[in-house]
Amino acid sequence: MEYQIGDIVKLKKPHPCGSKEWEILRVGMDFRLRCLGCDHQIMVPRKLVEKNTRGLRKKEES
């Protein structure tokens, strides 16, 4: 799967706020993700994101 900045990933487990969707802010060995429910940001290893991804929405081109 190819990840790009601005894409929305749906992860397996929900964040404590209840949202399962995260926006990708940084791509590399680690991903910086922003929760779409509460705007909390986290850094997660690429391997963990690839393992737990259940869906991917590409960013809307304007």
N, C-alpha and C. Protein backbone atom coordinates (compact mmCIF):
# COMPACT_ATOMS: atom_id res chain seq x y z
N MET A 1 0.84 -1.18 0.00
CA MET A 1 0.00 0.00 0.00
C MET A 1 0.89 1.24 0.00
N GLU A 2 0.51 2.23 -0.77
CA GLU A 2 1.30 3.46 -0.84
C GLU A 2 0.62 4.56 -0.04
N TYR A 3 1.33 5.08 0.94
CA TYR A 3 0.80 6.12 1.81
C TYR A 3 1.35 7.47 1.38
N GLN A 4 0.51 8.50 1.42
CA GLN A 4 0.95 9.85 1.09
C GLN A 4 0.42 10.82 2.15
N ILE A 5 1.08 11.95 2.27
CA ILE A 5 0.65 12.97 3.22
C ILE A 5 -0.75 13.44 2.84
N GLY A 6 -1.62 13.54 3.83
CA GLY A 6 -2.99 13.98 3.60
C GLY A 6 -3.99 12.84 3.48
N ASP A 7 -3.51 11.61 3.28
CA ASP A 7 -4.41 10.46 3.20
C ASP A 7 -5.04 10.19 4.57
N ILE A 8 -6.20 9.55 4.56
CA ILE A 8 -6.89 9.18 5.79
C ILE A 8 -6.82 7.66 5.93
N VAL A 9 -6.27 7.19 7.05
CA VAL A 9 -6.22 5.75 7.31
C VAL A 9 -7.21 5.39 8.40
N LYS A 10 -7.85 4.25 8.23
CA LYS A 10 -8.75 3.72 9.26
C LYS A 10 -8.00 2.58 9.92
N LEU A 11 -7.75 2.71 11.22
CA LEU A 11 -6.98 1.70 11.96
C LEU A 11 -7.90 0.72 12.67
N LYS A 12 -7.32 -0.41 13.07
CA LYS A 12 -8.07 -1.51 13.69
C LYS A 12 -8.71 -1.10 15.01
N LYS A 13 -7.92 -0.50 15.89
CA LYS A 13 -8.43 -0.14 17.22
C LYS A 13 -8.77 1.34 17.27
N PRO A 14 -9.85 1.69 17.96
CA PRO A 14 -10.21 3.12 18.06
C PRO A 14 -9.33 3.85 19.06
N HIS A 15 -9.19 5.14 18.84
CA HIS A 15 -8.53 6.04 19.79
C HIS A 15 -9.46 6.19 20.99
N PRO A 16 -8.98 6.53 22.17
CA PRO A 16 -9.86 6.69 23.33
C PRO A 16 -11.03 7.66 23.10
N CYS A 17 -10.89 8.59 22.15
CA CYS A 17 -11.99 9.53 21.87
C CYS A 17 -13.09 8.85 21.05
N GLY A 18 -12.81 7.65 20.50
CA GLY A 18 -13.82 6.91 19.74
C GLY A 18 -13.59 6.87 18.25
N SER A 19 -12.72 7.70 17.73
CA SER A 19 -12.46 7.77 16.29
C SER A 19 -11.46 6.70 15.87
N LYS A 20 -11.68 6.11 14.70
CA LYS A 20 -10.74 5.13 14.13
C LYS A 20 -9.97 5.73 12.95
N GLU A 21 -10.29 6.96 12.58
CA GLU A 21 -9.68 7.56 11.39
C GLU A 21 -8.60 8.56 11.77
N TRP A 22 -7.48 8.49 11.02
CA TRP A 22 -6.31 9.33 11.27
C TRP A 22 -5.83 9.92 9.96
N GLU A 23 -5.40 11.18 10.00
CA GLU A 23 -4.80 11.82 8.83
C GLU A 23 -3.29 11.67 8.92
N ILE A 24 -2.65 11.35 7.79
CA ILE A 24 -1.19 11.21 7.75
C ILE A 24 -0.58 12.59 7.56
N LEU A 25 0.29 12.98 8.49
CA LEU A 25 0.97 14.27 8.43
C LEU A 25 2.44 14.13 8.00
N ARG A 26 3.03 12.95 8.23
CA ARG A 26 4.43 12.71 7.89
C ARG A 26 4.59 11.25 7.51
N VAL A 27 5.38 10.98 6.46
CA VAL A 27 5.62 9.61 6.01
C VAL A 27 7.12 9.37 6.01
N GLY A 28 7.53 8.21 6.46
CA GLY A 28 8.94 7.82 6.50
C GLY A 28 9.05 6.54 7.28
N MET A 29 10.13 6.36 8.03
CA MET A 29 10.24 5.19 8.90
C MET A 29 9.19 5.25 9.99
N ASP A 30 8.85 6.46 10.40
CA ASP A 30 7.76 6.69 11.35
C ASP A 30 6.70 7.53 10.66
N PHE A 31 5.46 7.34 11.07
CA PHE A 31 4.36 8.17 10.56
C PHE A 31 3.92 9.10 11.67
N ARG A 32 3.62 10.35 11.33
CA ARG A 32 2.94 11.25 12.27
C ARG A 32 1.49 11.24 11.85
N LEU A 33 0.62 10.86 12.79
CA LEU A 33 -0.81 10.77 12.53
C LEU A 33 -1.57 11.76 13.40
N ARG A 34 -2.66 12.30 12.85
CA ARG A 34 -3.53 13.22 13.61
C ARG A 34 -4.91 12.60 13.66
N CYS A 35 -5.42 12.41 14.88
CA CYS A 35 -6.75 11.84 15.08
C CYS A 35 -7.79 12.81 14.54
N LEU A 36 -8.74 12.31 13.77
CA LEU A 36 -9.77 13.17 13.21
C LEU A 36 -10.88 13.45 14.22
N GLY A 37 -10.89 12.74 15.33
CA GLY A 37 -11.90 12.97 16.36
C GLY A 37 -11.52 14.08 17.32
N CYS A 38 -10.26 14.08 17.77
CA CYS A 38 -9.86 15.04 18.82
C CYS A 38 -8.60 15.84 18.48
N ASP A 39 -8.02 15.66 17.29
CA ASP A 39 -6.83 16.38 16.82
C ASP A 39 -5.55 16.01 17.58
N HIS A 40 -5.54 14.92 18.33
CA HIS A 40 -4.33 14.47 19.02
C HIS A 40 -3.34 13.94 17.97
N GLN A 41 -2.05 14.24 18.12
CA GLN A 41 -1.04 13.78 17.18
C GLN A 41 -0.12 12.77 17.84
N ILE A 42 0.24 11.73 17.07
CA ILE A 42 1.15 10.70 17.57
C ILE A 42 2.16 10.34 16.49
N MET A 43 3.30 9.79 16.92
CA MET A 43 4.30 9.22 16.01
C MET A 43 4.21 7.70 16.17
N VAL A 44 4.09 7.00 15.04
CA VAL A 44 3.93 5.55 15.06
C VAL A 44 4.90 4.94 14.04
N PRO A 45 5.57 3.83 14.37
CA PRO A 45 6.44 3.18 13.39
C PRO A 45 5.64 2.71 12.17
N ARG A 46 6.26 2.80 11.00
CA ARG A 46 5.62 2.40 9.73
C ARG A 46 5.07 0.98 9.80
N LYS A 47 5.83 0.08 10.36
CA LYS A 47 5.43 -1.34 10.44
C LYS A 47 4.10 -1.50 11.17
N LEU A 48 3.92 -0.74 12.25
CA LEU A 48 2.70 -0.82 13.04
C LEU A 48 1.50 -0.27 12.26
N VAL A 49 1.70 0.82 11.53
CA VAL A 49 0.61 1.39 10.72
C VAL A 49 0.22 0.41 9.62
N GLU A 50 1.20 -0.16 8.92
CA GLU A 50 0.91 -1.11 7.84
C GLU A 50 0.16 -2.33 8.37
N LYS A 51 0.51 -2.79 9.55
CA LYS A 51 -0.12 -3.98 10.15
C LYS A 51 -1.56 -3.71 10.55
N ASN A 52 -1.85 -2.50 11.07
CA ASN A 52 -3.16 -2.21 11.66
C ASN A 52 -4.11 -1.44 10.75
N THR A 53 -3.71 -1.15 9.52
CA THR A 53 -4.58 -0.40 8.60
C THR A 53 -5.73 -1.28 8.12
N ARG A 54 -6.93 -0.76 8.24
CA ARG A 54 -8.13 -1.47 7.76
C ARG A 54 -8.78 -0.77 6.57
N GLY A 55 -8.33 0.44 6.27
CA GLY A 55 -8.86 1.16 5.12
C GLY A 55 -8.00 2.37 4.84
N LEU A 56 -8.01 2.82 3.58
CA LEU A 56 -7.21 3.98 3.18
C LEU A 56 -8.04 4.82 2.22
N ARG A 57 -8.21 6.10 2.55
CA ARG A 57 -8.88 7.06 1.66
C ARG A 57 -7.84 8.04 1.18
N LYS A 58 -7.73 8.20 -0.12
CA LYS A 58 -6.80 9.17 -0.67
C LYS A 58 -7.33 10.57 -0.44
N LYS A 59 -6.39 11.54 -0.32
CA LYS A 59 -6.82 12.92 -0.09
C LYS A 59 -7.57 13.43 -1.33
N GLU A 60 -8.50 14.33 -1.09
CA GLU A 60 -9.28 14.90 -2.18
C GLU A 60 -8.42 15.93 -2.90
N GLU A 61 -8.28 15.77 -4.21
CA GLU A 61 -7.51 16.73 -5.02
C GLU A 61 -8.40 17.94 -5.28
N SER A 62 -7.82 19.13 -5.11
CA SER A 62 -8.64 20.34 -5.35
C SER A 62 -8.18 21.07 -6.59
